[in-house]
PDB file of N, CA and C in Angstrom:
ATOM      1  N   MET A   1       6.068  -5.350  28.876  1.00  0.00           N
ATOM      2  CA  MET A   1       5.407  -4.327  28.092  1.00  0.00           C
ATOM      3  C   MET A   1       3.996  -4.772  27.726  1.00  0.00           C
ATOM      4  N   ALA A   2       3.134  -3.811  27.585  1.00  0.00           N
ATOM      5  CA  ALA A   2       1.745  -4.084  27.215  1.00  0.00           C
ATOM      6  C   ALA A   2       1.640  -4.243  25.699  1.00  0.00           C
ATOM      7  N   ALA A   3       0.547  -4.836  25.285  1.00  0.00           N
ATOM      8  CA  ALA A   3       0.301  -5.002  23.847  1.00  0.00           C
ATOM      9  C   ALA A   3       0.046  -3.635  23.215  1.00  0.00           C
ATOM     10  N   ILE A   4       0.612  -3.427  22.058  1.00  0.00           N
ATOM     11  CA  ILE A   4       0.500  -2.111  21.411  1.00  0.00           C
ATOM     12  C   ILE A   4      -0.376  -2.142  20.158  1.00  0.00           C
ATOM     13  N   ASN A   5      -0.859  -3.307  19.792  1.00  0.00           N
ATOM     14  CA  ASN A   5      -1.689  -3.369  18.585  1.00  0.00           C
ATOM     15  C   ASN A   5      -3.139  -3.033  18.923  1.00  0.00           C
ATOM     16  N   GLN A   6      -3.843  -2.532  17.911  1.00  0.00           N
ATOM     17  CA  GLN A   6      -5.244  -2.169  18.099  1.00  0.00           C
ATOM     18  C   GLN A   6      -6.046  -2.637  16.891  1.00  0.00           C
ATOM     19  N   MET A   7      -7.312  -2.950  17.129  1.00  0.00           N
ATOM     20  CA  MET A   7      -8.209  -3.429  16.080  1.00  0.00           C
ATOM     21  C   MET A   7      -9.225  -2.334  15.779  1.00  0.00           C
ATOM     22  N   GLN A   8      -9.516  -2.149  14.492  1.00  0.00           N
ATOM     23  CA  GLN A   8     -10.545  -1.195  14.106  1.00  0.00           C
ATOM     24  C   GLN A   8     -11.184  -1.634  12.797  1.00  0.00           C
ATOM     25  N   ASP A   9     -12.440  -1.235  12.605  1.00  0.00           N
ATOM     26  CA  ASP A   9     -13.167  -1.543  11.371  1.00  0.00           C
ATOM     27  C   ASP A   9     -13.195  -0.301  10.493  1.00  0.00           C
ATOM     28  N   VAL A  10     -12.880  -0.486   9.212  1.00  0.00           N
ATOM     29  CA  VAL A  10     -12.827   0.618   8.253  1.00  0.00           C
ATOM     30  C   VAL A  10     -13.572   0.184   6.995  1.00  0.00           C
ATOM     31  N   THR A  11     -14.302   1.115   6.385  1.00  0.00           N
ATOM     32  CA  THR A  11     -14.986   0.845   5.123  1.00  0.00           C
ATOM     33  C   THR A  11     -14.291   1.633   4.020  1.00  0.00           C
ATOM     34  N   VAL A  12     -13.904   0.926   2.951  1.00  0.00           N
ATOM     35  CA  VAL A  12     -13.239   1.564   1.816  1.00  0.00           C
ATOM     36  C   VAL A  12     -14.014   1.253   0.544  1.00  0.00           C
ATOM     37  N   ARG A  13     -13.937   2.158  -0.416  1.00  0.00           N
ATOM     38  CA  ARG A  13     -14.566   1.953  -1.721  1.00  0.00           C
ATOM     39  C   ARG A  13     -13.448   1.760  -2.742  1.00  0.00           C
ATOM     40  N   VAL A  14     -13.493   0.621  -3.436  1.00  0.00           N
ATOM     41  CA  VAL A  14     -12.455   0.275  -4.402  1.00  0.00           C
ATOM     42  C   VAL A  14     -13.096  -0.061  -5.741  1.00  0.00           C
ATOM     43  N   GLN A  15     -12.282   0.034  -6.796  1.00  0.00           N
ATOM     44  CA  GLN A  15     -12.771  -0.312  -8.122  1.00  0.00           C
ATOM     45  C   GLN A  15     -11.688  -1.038  -8.897  1.00  0.00           C
ATOM     46  N   GLY A  16     -12.133  -1.841  -9.849  1.00  0.00           N
ATOM     47  CA  GLY A  16     -11.198  -2.581 -10.677  1.00  0.00           C
ATOM     48  C   GLY A  16     -11.850  -2.988 -11.978  1.00  0.00           C
ATOM     49  N   GLN A  17     -11.014  -3.313 -12.942  1.00  0.00           N
ATOM     50  CA  GLN A  17     -11.547  -3.785 -14.212  1.00  0.00           C
ATOM     51  C   GLN A  17     -10.645  -4.860 -14.772  1.00  0.00           C
ATOM     52  N   GLY A  18     -11.225  -5.714 -15.610  1.00  0.00           N
ATOM     53  CA  GLY A  18     -10.477  -6.804 -16.196  1.00  0.00           C
ATOM     54  C   GLY A  18     -11.240  -7.459 -17.324  1.00  0.00           C
ATOM     55  N   ASP A  19     -10.571  -8.403 -17.987  1.00  0.00           N
ATOM     56  CA  ASP A  19     -11.189  -9.115 -19.106  1.00  0.00           C
ATOM     57  C   ASP A  19     -12.199 -10.154 -18.636  1.00  0.00           C
ATOM     58  N   THR A  20     -12.080 -10.603 -17.391  1.00  0.00           N
ATOM     59  CA  THR A  20     -13.025 -11.564 -16.825  1.00  0.00           C
ATOM     60  C   THR A  20     -13.578 -10.981 -15.518  1.00  0.00           C
ATOM     61  N   LYS A  21     -14.649 -11.580 -15.024  1.00  0.00           N
ATOM     62  CA  LYS A  21     -15.223 -11.136 -13.754  1.00  0.00           C
ATOM     63  C   LYS A  21     -14.233 -11.327 -12.621  1.00  0.00           C
ATOM     64  N   GLN A  22     -13.527 -12.444 -12.646  1.00  0.00           N
ATOM     65  CA  GLN A  22     -12.554 -12.744 -11.599  1.00  0.00           C
ATOM     66  C   GLN A  22     -11.416 -11.726 -11.598  1.00  0.00           C
ATOM     67  N   GLN A  23     -10.924 -11.334 -12.769  1.00  0.00           N
ATOM     68  CA  GLN A  23      -9.854 -10.344 -12.838  1.00  0.00           C
ATOM     69  C   GLN A  23     -10.324  -8.983 -12.332  1.00  0.00           C
ATOM     70  N   ALA A  24     -11.561  -8.620 -12.628  1.00  0.00           N
ATOM     71  CA  ALA A  24     -12.102  -7.342 -12.162  1.00  0.00           C
ATOM     72  C   ALA A  24     -12.202  -7.312 -10.637  1.00  0.00           C
ATOM     73  N   PHE A  25     -12.713  -8.389 -10.043  1.00  0.00           N
ATOM     74  CA  PHE A  25     -12.811  -8.448  -8.582  1.00  0.00           C
ATOM     75  C   PHE A  25     -11.430  -8.505  -7.940  1.00  0.00           C
ATOM     76  N   ALA A  26     -10.503  -9.240  -8.525  1.00  0.00           N
ATOM     77  CA  ALA A  26      -9.149  -9.329  -7.966  1.00  0.00           C
ATOM     78  C   ALA A  26      -8.445  -7.976  -8.019  1.00  0.00           C
ATOM     79  N   ALA A  27      -8.636  -7.237  -9.102  1.00  0.00           N
ATOM     80  CA  ALA A  27      -8.025  -5.909  -9.206  1.00  0.00           C
ATOM     81  C   ALA A  27      -8.601  -4.960  -8.166  1.00  0.00           C
ATOM     82  N   ALA A  28      -9.895  -5.048  -7.921  1.00  0.00           N
ATOM     83  CA  ALA A  28     -10.531  -4.185  -6.918  1.00  0.00           C
ATOM     84  C   ALA A  28     -10.059  -4.548  -5.509  1.00  0.00           C
ATOM     85  N   LEU A  29     -10.011  -5.832  -5.201  1.00  0.00           N
ATOM     86  CA  LEU A  29      -9.605  -6.245  -3.851  1.00  0.00           C
ATOM     87  C   LEU A  29      -8.126  -5.970  -3.596  1.00  0.00           C
ATOM     88  N   ALA A  30      -7.303  -5.996  -4.634  1.00  0.00           N
ATOM     89  CA  ALA A  30      -5.884  -5.664  -4.456  1.00  0.00           C
ATOM     90  C   ALA A  30      -5.698  -4.184  -4.159  1.00  0.00           C
ATOM     91  N   ASP A  31      -6.669  -3.368  -4.516  1.00  0.00           N
ATOM     92  CA  ASP A  31      -6.593  -1.928  -4.288  1.00  0.00           C
ATOM     93  C   ASP A  31      -6.867  -1.551  -2.831  1.00  0.00           C
ATOM     94  N   ILE A  32      -7.408  -2.465  -2.035  1.00  0.00           N
ATOM     95  CA  ILE A  32      -7.711  -2.190  -0.626  1.00  0.00           C
ATOM     96  C   ILE A  32      -6.444  -1.829   0.132  1.00  0.00           C
ATOM     97  N   GLN A  33      -5.420  -2.637  -0.005  1.00  0.00           N
ATOM     98  CA  GLN A  33      -4.176  -2.394   0.730  1.00  0.00           C
ATOM     99  C   GLN A  33      -3.534  -1.076   0.304  1.00  0.00           C
ATOM    100  N   LYS A  34      -3.593  -0.734  -0.971  1.00  0.00           N
ATOM    101  CA  LYS A  34      -3.011   0.520  -1.446  1.00  0.00           C
ATOM    102  C   LYS A  34      -3.681   1.718  -0.794  1.00  0.00           C
ATOM    103  N   GLN A  35      -4.983   1.656  -0.606  1.00  0.00           N
ATOM    104  CA  GLN A  35      -5.693   2.768   0.026  1.00  0.00           C
ATOM    105  C   GLN A  35      -5.391   2.862   1.521  1.00  0.00           C
ATOM    106  N   LEU A  36      -5.250   1.735   2.179  1.00  0.00           N
ATOM    107  CA  LEU A  36      -5.051   1.744   3.626  1.00  0.00           C
ATOM    108  C   LEU A  36      -3.621   2.074   4.031  1.00  0.00           C
ATOM    109  N   VAL A  37      -2.650   1.721   3.223  1.00  0.00           N
ATOM    110  CA  VAL A  37      -1.249   1.946   3.575  1.00  0.00           C
ATOM    111  C   VAL A  37      -0.888   3.423   3.480  1.00  0.00           C
ATOM    112  N   GLY A  38      -1.693   4.226   2.803  1.00  0.00           N
ATOM    113  CA  GLY A  38      -1.428   5.654   2.699  1.00  0.00           C
ATOM    114  C   GLY A  38      -1.382   6.355   4.043  1.00  0.00           C
ATOM    115  N   ASN A  39      -1.986   5.792   5.069  1.00  0.00           N
ATOM    116  CA  ASN A  39      -1.954   6.361   6.421  1.00  0.00           C
ATOM    117  C   ASN A  39      -0.609   6.018   7.059  1.00  0.00           C
ATOM    118  N   GLU A  40       0.251   7.029   7.267  1.00  0.00           N
ATOM    119  CA  GLU A  40       1.601   6.783   7.756  1.00  0.00           C
ATOM    120  C   GLU A  40       1.699   6.733   9.284  1.00  0.00           C
ATOM    121  N   SER A  41       0.628   7.012   9.988  1.00  0.00           N
ATOM    122  CA  SER A  41       0.691   7.003  11.440  1.00  0.00           C
ATOM    123  C   SER A  41       0.464   5.606  12.011  1.00  0.00           C
ATOM    124  N   GLN A  42       0.179   4.635  11.142  1.00  0.00           N
ATOM    125  CA  GLN A  42      -0.057   3.267  11.591  1.00  0.00           C
ATOM    126  C   GLN A  42       0.788   2.300  10.765  1.00  0.00           C
ATOM    127  N   THR A  43       1.110   1.180  11.386  1.00  0.00           N
ATOM    128  CA  THR A  43       1.742   0.079  10.677  1.00  0.00           C
ATOM    129  C   THR A  43       0.760  -1.078  10.670  1.00  0.00           C
ATOM    130  N   MET A  44       0.376  -1.508   9.474  1.00  0.00           N
ATOM    131  CA  MET A  44      -0.625  -2.565   9.334  1.00  0.00           C
ATOM    132  C   MET A  44      -0.008  -3.928   9.613  1.00  0.00           C
ATOM    133  N   LEU A  45      -0.643  -4.670  10.475  1.00  0.00           N
ATOM    134  CA  LEU A  45      -0.232  -6.043  10.749  1.00  0.00           C
ATOM    135  C   LEU A  45      -1.093  -7.037   9.978  1.00  0.00           C
ATOM    136  N   GLN A  46      -2.386  -6.735   9.880  1.00  0.00           N
ATOM    137  CA  GLN A  46      -3.315  -7.667   9.253  1.00  0.00           C
ATOM    138  C   GLN A  46      -4.533  -6.898   8.737  1.00  0.00           C
ATOM    139  N   ILE A  47      -4.986  -7.260   7.539  1.00  0.00           N
ATOM    140  CA  ILE A  47      -6.193  -6.674   6.951  1.00  0.00           C
ATOM    141  C   ILE A  47      -7.131  -7.835   6.610  1.00  0.00           C
ATOM    142  N   VAL A  48      -8.292  -7.864   7.264  1.00  0.00           N
ATOM    143  CA  VAL A  48      -9.247  -8.957   7.068  1.00  0.00           C
ATOM    144  C   VAL A  48     -10.558  -8.392   6.518  1.00  0.00           C
ATOM    145  N   PRO A  49     -10.972  -8.783   5.292  1.00  0.00           N
ATOM    146  CA  PRO A  49     -12.267  -8.317   4.776  1.00  0.00           C
ATOM    147  C   PRO A  49     -13.415  -8.952   5.561  1.00  0.00           C
ATOM    148  N   ILE A  50     -14.365  -8.129   5.991  1.00  0.00           N
ATOM    149  CA  ILE A  50     -15.523  -8.607   6.743  1.00  0.00           C
ATOM    150  C   ILE A  50     -16.720  -8.750   5.804  1.00  0.00           C
ATOM    151  N   THR A  51     -17.074  -7.657   5.123  1.00  0.00           N
ATOM    152  CA  THR A  51     -18.185  -7.690   4.170  1.00  0.00           C
ATOM    153  C   THR A  51     -17.770  -7.016   2.873  1.00  0.00           C
ATOM    154  N   VAL A  52     -18.294  -7.548   1.758  1.00  0.00           N
ATOM    155  CA  VAL A  52     -18.069  -6.969   0.431  1.00  0.00           C
ATOM    156  C   VAL A  52     -19.437  -6.677  -0.168  1.00  0.00           C
ATOM    157  N   THR A  53     -19.678  -5.400  -0.469  1.00  0.00           N
ATOM    158  CA  THR A  53     -20.952  -4.981  -1.034  1.00  0.00           C
ATOM    159  C   THR A  53     -20.717  -4.405  -2.425  1.00  0.00           C
ATOM    160  N   PRO A  54     -21.312  -5.007  -3.463  1.00  0.00           N
ATOM    161  CA  PRO A  54     -21.142  -4.430  -4.800  1.00  0.00           C
ATOM    162  C   PRO A  54     -21.973  -3.159  -4.952  1.00  0.00           C
ATOM    163  N   ILE A  55     -21.328  -2.093  -5.405  1.00  0.00           N
ATOM    164  CA  ILE A  55     -22.005  -0.815  -5.639  1.00  0.00           C
ATOM    165  C   ILE A  55     -22.417  -0.711  -7.107  1.00  0.00           C
ATOM    166  N   GLN A  56     -21.476  -1.046  -7.994  1.00  0.00           N
ATOM    167  CA  GLN A  56     -21.763  -0.957  -9.421  1.00  0.00           C
ATOM    168  C   GLN A  56     -21.019  -2.081 -10.136  1.00  0.00           C
ATOM    169  N   LEU A  57     -21.733  -2.833 -10.968  1.00  0.00           N
ATOM    170  CA  LEU A  57     -21.152  -3.919 -11.749  1.00  0.00           C
ATOM    171  C   LEU A  57     -21.487  -3.668 -13.217  1.00  0.00           C
ATOM    172  N   ASP A  58     -20.470  -3.401 -14.027  1.00  0.00           N
ATOM    173  CA  ASP A  58     -20.681  -3.085 -15.437  1.00  0.00           C
ATOM    174  C   ASP A  58     -19.982  -4.107 -16.324  1.00  0.00           C
ATOM    175  N   GLU A  59     -20.638  -4.417 -17.443  1.00  0.00           N
ATOM    176  CA  GLU A  59     -20.072  -5.302 -18.452  1.00  0.00           C
ATOM    177  C   GLU A  59     -20.161  -4.561 -19.790  1.00  0.00           C
ATOM    178  N   SER A  60     -19.011  -4.289 -20.401  1.00  0.00           N
ATOM    179  CA  SER A  60     -18.972  -3.581 -21.674  1.00  0.00           C
ATOM    180  C   SER A  60     -18.548  -4.541 -22.768  1.00  0.00           C
ATOM    181  N   MET A  61     -19.329  -4.556 -23.853  1.00  0.00           N
ATOM    182  CA  MET A  61     -19.015  -5.450 -24.974  1.00  0.00           C
ATOM    183  C   MET A  61     -18.845  -4.611 -26.234  1.00  0.00           C
ATOM    184  N   TYR A  62     -17.852  -4.961 -27.033  1.00  0.00           N
ATOM    185  CA  TYR A  62     -17.661  -4.311 -28.323  1.00  0.00           C
ATOM    186  C   TYR A  62     -17.068  -5.310 -29.298  1.00  0.00           C
ATOM    187  N   LYS A  63     -17.270  -5.025 -30.577  1.00  0.00           N
ATOM    188  CA  LYS A  63     -16.762  -5.919 -31.617  1.00  0.00           C
ATOM    189  C   LYS A  63     -15.503  -5.293 -32.206  1.00  0.00           C
ATOM    190  N   GLU A  64     -14.432  -6.067 -32.262  1.00  0.00           N
ATOM    191  CA  GLU A  64     -13.208  -5.581 -32.880  1.00  0.00           C
ATOM    192  C   GLU A  64     -12.862  -6.467 -34.064  1.00  0.00           C
ATOM    193  N   ARG A  65     -12.166  -5.889 -35.025  1.00  0.00           N
ATOM    194  CA  ARG A  65     -11.786  -6.609 -36.240  1.00  0.00           C
ATOM    195  C   ARG A  65     -10.316  -6.368 -36.523  1.00  0.00           C
ATOM    196  N   PHE A  66      -9.687  -7.356 -37.119  1.00  0.00           N
ATOM    197  CA  PHE A  66      -8.299  -7.250 -37.543  1.00  0.00           C
ATOM    198  C   PHE A  66      -8.257  -6.539 -38.884  1.00  0.00           C
ATOM    199  N   LEU A  67      -7.488  -5.443 -38.977  1.00  0.00           N
ATOM    200  CA  LEU A  67      -7.394  -4.613 -40.185  1.00  0.00           C
ATOM    201  C   LEU A  67      -8.768  -4.126 -40.668  1.00  0.00           C
ATOM    202  N   PHE A  68      -9.646  -3.809 -39.726  1.00  0.00           N
ATOM    203  CA  PHE A  68     -10.966  -3.221 -39.950  1.00  0.00           C
ATOM    204  C   PHE A  68     -11.975  -4.123 -40.673  1.00  0.00           C
ATOM    205  N   PHE A  69     -11.549  -5.272 -41.202  1.00  0.00           N
ATOM    206  CA  PHE A  69     -12.465  -6.125 -41.951  1.00  0.00           C
ATOM    207  C   PHE A  69     -12.436  -7.594 -41.533  1.00  0.00           C
ATOM    208  N   PHE A  70     -11.258  -8.095 -41.147  1.00  0.00           N
ATOM    209  CA  PHE A  70     -11.063  -9.534 -40.974  1.00  0.00           C
ATOM    210  C   PHE A  70     -11.216  -9.963 -39.514  1.00  0.00           C
ATOM    211  N   PHE A  71     -11.590 -11.200 -39.335  1.00  0.00           N
ATOM    212  CA  PHE A  71     -11.651 -11.880 -38.046  1.00  0.00           C
ATOM    213  C   PHE A  71     -12.392 -11.082 -36.970  1.00  0.00           C
ATOM    214  N   PRO A  72     -13.666 -10.823 -37.139  1.00  0.00           N
ATOM    215  CA  PRO A  72     -14.386 -10.091 -36.093  1.00  0.00           C
ATOM    216  C   PRO A  72     -14.533 -10.944 -34.831  1.00  0.00           C
ATOM    217  N   ARG A  73     -14.408 -10.291 -33.693  1.00  0.00           N
ATOM    218  CA  ARG A  73     -14.640 -10.981 -32.425  1.00  0.00           C
ATOM    219  C   ARG A  73     -15.227  -9.983 -31.436  1.00  0.00           C
ATOM    220  N   VAL A  74     -15.945 -10.513 -30.472  1.00  0.00           N
ATOM    221  CA  VAL A  74     -16.585  -9.693 -29.449  1.00  0.00           C
ATOM    222  C   VAL A  74     -15.697  -9.689 -28.214  1.00  0.00           C
ATOM    223  N   ARG A  75     -15.329  -8.490 -27.749  1.00  0.00           N
ATOM    224  CA  ARG A  75     -14.510  -8.345 -26.538  1.00  0.00           C
ATOM    225  C   ARG A  75     -15.401  -7.871 -25.396  1.00  0.00           C
ATOM    226  N   THR A  76     -15.117  -8.352 -24.215  1.00  0.00           N
ATOM    227  CA  THR A  76     -15.891  -7.986 -23.028  1.00  0.00           C
ATOM    228  C   THR A  76     -14.943  -7.465 -21.964  1.00  0.00           C
ATOM    229  N   ILE A  77     -15.297  -6.350 -21.356  1.00  0.00           N
ATOM    230  CA  ILE A  77     -14.523  -5.774 -20.257  1.00  0.00           C
ATOM    231  C   ILE A  77     -15.473  -5.591 -19.075  1.00  0.00           C
ATOM    232  N   TYR A  78     -15.057  -6.061 -17.920  1.00  0.00           N
ATOM    233  CA  TYR A  78     -15.860  -5.950 -16.706  1.00  0.00           C
ATOM    234  C   TYR A  78     -15.274  -4.856 -15.816  1.00  0.00           C
ATOM    235  N   HIS A  79     -16.151  -4.046 -15.237  1.00  0.00           N
ATOM    236  CA  HIS A  79     -15.755  -2.971 -14.331  1.00  0.00           C
ATOM    237  C   HIS A  79     -16.612  -3.079 -13.076  1.00  0.00           C
ATOM    238  N   VAL A  80     -15.964  -3.122 -11.907  1.00  0.00           N
ATOM    239  CA  VAL A  80     -16.698  -3.257 -10.645  1.00  0.00           C
ATOM    240  C   VAL A  80     -16.300  -2.141  -9.685  1.00  0.00           C
ATOM    241  N   ILE A  81     -17.259  -1.699  -8.904  1.00  0.00           N
ATOM    242  CA  ILE A  81     -17.021  -0.790  -7.778  1.00  0.00           C
ATOM    243  C   ILE A  81     -17.596  -1.481  -6.556  1.00  0.00           C
ATOM    244  N   LEU A  82     -16.746  -1.672  -5.544  1.00  0.00           N
ATOM    245  CA  LEU A  82     -17.125  -2.409  -4.337  1.00  0.00           C
ATOM    246  C   LEU A  82     -16.932  -1.544  -3.103  1.00  0.00           C
ATOM    247  N   GLU A  83     -17.768  -1.771  -2.120  1.00  0.00           N
ATOM    248  CA  GLU A  83     -17.584  -1.175  -0.802  1.00  0.00           C
ATOM    249  C   GLU A  83     -17.235  -2.319   0.142  1.00  0.00           C
ATOM    250  N   VAL A  84     -16.041  -2.266   0.707  1.00  0.00           N
ATOM    251  CA  VAL A  84     -15.520  -3.366   1.505  1.00  0.00           C
ATOM    252  C   VAL A  84     -15.286  -2.886   2.932  1.00  0.00           C
ATOM    253  N   THR A  85     -15.856  -3.590   3.894  1.00  0.00           N
ATOM    254  CA  THR A  85     -15.584  -3.328   5.303  1.00  0.00           C
ATOM    255  C   THR A  85     -14.495  -4.296   5.743  1.00  0.00           C
ATOM    256  N   VAL A  86     -13.395  -3.735   6.235  1.00  0.00           N
ATOM    257  CA  VAL A  86     -12.250  -4.558   6.645  1.00  0.00           C
ATOM    258  C   VAL A  86     -11.958  -4.312   8.121  1.00  0.00           C
ATOM    259  N   GLN A  87     -11.421  -5.333   8.753  1.00  0.00           N
ATOM    260  CA  GLN A  87     -10.946  -5.211  10.128  1.00  0.00           C
ATOM    261  C   GLN A  87      -9.433  -5.112  10.065  1.00  0.00           C
ATOM    262  N   ILE A  88      -8.887  -4.053  10.664  1.00  0.00           N
ATOM    263  CA  ILE A  88      -7.444  -3.782  10.595  1.00  0.00           C
ATOM    264  C   ILE A  88      -6.828  -4.021  11.962  1.00  0.00           C
ATOM    265  N   ASN A  89      -5.797  -4.834  11.991  1.00  0.00           N
ATOM    266  CA  ASN A  89      -4.968  -5.011  13.176  1.00  0.00           C
ATOM    267  C   ASN A  89      -3.702  -4.210  12.913  1.00  0.00           C
ATOM    268  N   SER A  90      -3.482  -3.146  13.707  1.00  0.00           N
ATOM    269  CA  SER A  90      -2.376  -2.237  13.413  1.00  0.00           C
ATOM    270  C   SER A  90      -1.700  -1.771  14.691  1.00  0.00           C
ATOM    271  N   ILE A  91      -0.551  -1.129  14.488  1.00  0.00           N
ATOM    272  CA  ILE A  91       0.206  -0.513  15.582  1.00  0.00           C
ATOM    273  C   ILE A  91       0.173   0.990  15.361  1.00  0.00           C
ATOM    274  N   ALA A  92      -0.292   1.736  16.365  1.00  0.00           N
ATOM    275  CA  ALA A  92      -0.306   3.198  16.291  1.00  0.00           C
ATOM    276  C   ALA A  92       1.069   3.713  16.677  1.00  0.00           C
ATOM    277  N   LEU A  93       1.805   4.230  15.712  1.00  0.00           N
ATOM    278  CA  LEU A  93       3.196   4.637  15.951  1.00  0.00           C
ATOM    279  C   LEU A  93       3.308   5.903  16.785  1.00  0.00           C
ATOM    280  N   GLU A  94       2.304   6.784  16.723  1.00  0.00           N
ATOM    281  CA  GLU A  94       2.416   8.038  17.471  1.00  0.00           C
ATOM    282  C   GLU A  94       2.301   7.828  18.979  1.00  0.00           C
ATOM    283  N   THR A  95       1.785   6.693  19.420  1.00  0.00           N
ATOM    284  CA  THR A  95       1.654   6.440  20.854  1.00  0.00           C
ATOM    285  C   THR A  95       2.921   5.834  21.459  1.00  0.00           C
ATOM    286  N   LEU A  96       3.877   5.454  20.631  1.00  0.00           N
ATOM    287  CA  LEU A  96       5.094   4.820  21.133  1.00  0.00           C
ATOM    288  C   LEU A  96       6.153   5.859  21.460  1.00  0.00           C
ATOM    289  N   ALA A  97       6.865   5.616  22.564  1.00  0.00           N
ATOM    290  CA  ALA A  97       7.967   6.496  22.963  1.00  0.00           C
ATOM    291  C   ALA A  97       9.278   5.759  22.720  1.00  0.00           C
ATOM    292  N   PHE A  98      10.136   6.351  21.915  1.00  0.00           N
ATOM    293  CA  PHE A  98      11.422   5.752  21.596  1.00  0.00           C
ATOM    294  C   PHE A  98      12.513   6.378  22.458  1.00  0.00           C
ATOM    295  N   ASN A  99      13.496   5.572  22.862  1.00  0.00           N
ATOM    296  CA  ASN A  99      14.659   6.075  23.572  1.00  0.00           C
ATOM    297  C   ASN A  99      15.611   6.690  22.546  1.00  0.00           C
ATOM    298  N   VAL A 100      16.106   7.896  22.834  1.00  0.00           N
ATOM    299  CA  VAL A 100      16.972   8.610  21.899  1.00  0.00           C
ATOM    300  C   VAL A 100      18.419   8.461  22.354  1.00  0.00           C
ATOM    301  N   HIS A 101      19.273   8.000  21.450  1.00  0.00           N
ATOM    302  CA  HIS A 101      20.705   7.856  21.703  1.00  0.00           C
ATOM    303  C   HIS A 101      21.453   8.615  20.624  1.00  0.00           C
ATOM    304  N   LYS A 102      22.396   9.462  21.020  1.00  0.00           N
ATOM    305  CA  LYS A 102      23.203  10.195  20.036  1.00  0.00           C
ATOM    306  C   LYS A 102      24.496   9.431  19.824  1.00  0.00           C
ATOM    307  N   GLN A 103      24.813   9.221  18.554  1.00  0.00           N
ATOM    308  CA  GLN A 103      26.018   8.497  18.186  1.00  0.00           C
ATOM    309  C   GLN A 103      26.778   9.302  17.149  1.00  0.00           C
ATOM    310  N   THR A 104      28.053   8.972  17.022  1.00  0.00           N
ATOM    311  CA  THR A 104      28.826   9.602  15.964  1.00  0.00           C
ATOM    312  C   THR A 104      28.454   8.946  14.636  1.00  0.00           C
ATOM    313  N   SER A 105      28.650   9.669  13.606  1.00  0.00           N
ATOM    314  CA  SER A 105      28.294   9.179  12.285  1.00  0.00           C
ATOM    315  C   SER A 105      29.216   8.029  11.882  1.00  0.00           C
ATOM    316  N   PRO A 106      28.674   6.959  11.315  1.00  0.00           N
ATOM    317  CA  PRO A 106      29.531   5.872  10.853  1.00  0.00           C
ATOM    318  C   PRO A 106      30.371   6.267   9.641  1.00  0.00           C
ATOM    319  N   ASP A 107      29.997   7.373   8.987  1.00  0.00           N
ATOM    320  CA  ASP A 107      30.751   7.842   7.829  1.00  0.00           C
ATOM    321  C   ASP A 107      31.922   8.729   8.222  1.00  0.00           C
ATOM    322  N   GLU A 108      31.997   9.099   9.485  1.00  0.00           N
ATOM    323  CA  GLU A 108      33.034  10.016   9.936  1.00  0.00           C
ATOM    324  C   GLU A 108      34.397   9.335   9.903  1.00  0.00           C
ATOM    325  N   LEU A 109      35.361  10.029   9.369  1.00  0.00           N
ATOM    326  CA  LEU A 109      36.719   9.494   9.305  1.00  0.00           C
ATOM    327  C   LEU A 109      37.487   9.896  10.556  1.00  0.00           C
ATOM    328  N   PRO A 110      38.093   8.954  11.265  1.00  0.00           N
ATOM    329  CA  PRO A 110      38.846   9.320  12.464  1.00  0.00           C
ATOM    330  C   PRO A 110      40.159  10.027  12.125  1.00  0.00           C
ATOM    331  N   LEU A 111      40.512  10.074  10.861  1.00  0.00           N
ATOM    332  CA  LEU A 111      41.763  10.679  10.435  1.00  0.00           C
ATOM    333  C   LEU A 111      41.717  12.200  10.521  1.00  0.00           C
ATOM    334  N   ILE A 112      40.556  12.796  10.342  1.00  0.00           N
ATOM    335  CA  ILE A 112      40.437  14.248  10.283  1.00  0.00           C
ATOM    336  C   ILE A 112      40.775  14.905  11.626  1.00  0.00           C
ATOM    337  N   PRO A 113      40.293  14.412  12.781  1.00  0.00           N
ATOM    338  CA  PRO A 113      40.720  15.048  14.041  1.00  0.00           C
ATOM    339  C   PRO A 113      42.224  14.950  14.257  1.00  0.00           C
ATOM    340  N   ARG A 114      42.832  13.849  13.868  1.00  0.00           N
ATOM    341  CA  ARG A 114      44.296  13.726  14.007  1.00  0.00           C
ATOM    342  C   ARG A 114      45.018  14.727  13.110  1.00  0.00           C
ATOM    343  N   LEU A 115      44.445  14.934  11.915  1.00  0.00           N
ATOM    344  CA  LEU A 115      45.048  15.880  10.987  1.00  0.00           C
ATOM    345  C   LEU A 115      45.012  17.289  11.567  1.00  0.00           C
ATOM    346  N   TRP A 116      43.898  17.654  12.207  1.00  0.00           N
ATOM    347  CA  TRP A 116      43.804  18.979  12.823  1.00  0.00           C
ATOM    348  C   TRP A 116      44.799  19.128  13.972  1.00  0.00           C
ATOM    349  N   ARG A 117      44.972  18.039  14.737  1.00  0.00           N
ATOM    350  CA  ARG A 117      45.951  18.117  15.830  1.00  0.00           C
ATOM    351  C   ARG A 117      47.366  18.267  15.288  1.00  0.00           C
ATOM    352  N   LEU A 118      47.654  17.639  14.162  1.00  0.00           N
ATOM    353  CA  LEU A 118      48.969  17.786  13.548  1.00  0.00           C
ATOM    354  C   LEU A 118      49.172  19.212  13.042  1.00  0.00           C
ATOM    355  N   VAL A 119      48.125  19.788  12.462  1.00  0.00           N
ATOM    356  CA  VAL A 119      48.236  21.161  11.966  1.00  0.00           C
ATOM    357  C   VAL A 119      48.452  22.119  13.110  1.00  0.00           C
ATOM    358  N   LYS A 120      47.768  21.905  14.221  1.00  0.00           N
ATOM    359  CA  LYS A 120      47.929  22.788  15.384  1.00  0.00           C
ATOM    360  C   LYS A 120      49.261  22.571  16.072  1.00  0.00           C
ATOM    361  N   GLY A 121      49.823  21.395  15.907  1.00  0.00           N
ATOM    362  CA  GLY A 121      51.098  21.107  16.546  1.00  0.00           C
ATOM    363  C   GLY A 121      50.972  20.401  17.868  1.00  0.00           C
ATOM    364  N   ASP A 122      49.790  19.803  18.163  1.00  0.00           N
ATOM    365  CA  ASP A 122      49.595  19.113  19.429  1.00  0.00           C
ATOM    366  C   ASP A 122      50.302  17.763  19.458  1.00  0.00           C
ATOM    367  N   GLU A 123      50.458  17.112  18.307  1.00  0.00           N
ATOM    368  CA  GLU A 123      51.088  15.781  18.302  1.00  0.00           C
ATOM    369  C   GLU A 123      52.503  15.849  17.817  1.00  0.00           C
TER     370      GLU A 123
END
C-alpha cells in the first residue's frame, strides 16, 4: 500500500490569558490543537509549530484589597493573541476506501429463532 499521510501548512489565530506571561502563552498554544481537531475529515498525526507571531500582547494591572480595606496588593493578568503557522501531518479519511462486511449483531440472541421454530412446530 502507498503512504496515505499528507503534509500541509495552516495558519491559526489563538488567544490565552494567565497570571504570568508563561501561563498566557501556554494557554494560547494549547488552543491550537482544539481549533485543528474540529475538522473531522482528517486524522491528525503530528502538529509542528513553524512560526509564532504575536498580534496583541496586553498586561492588565489592578489593586485588590481584603475586605475592601486590608492587605492591598497589585494583581496582573496577561492576555495574548498569537498567529501561529503550523505544519500538519495528517491522514485524509475521505480518500480511503474501506471493505464492507455485513455481520450479525453480537447482541442477537440465538434463542429467538429457535423459539419461532417451536411456535411454528418445525422442531
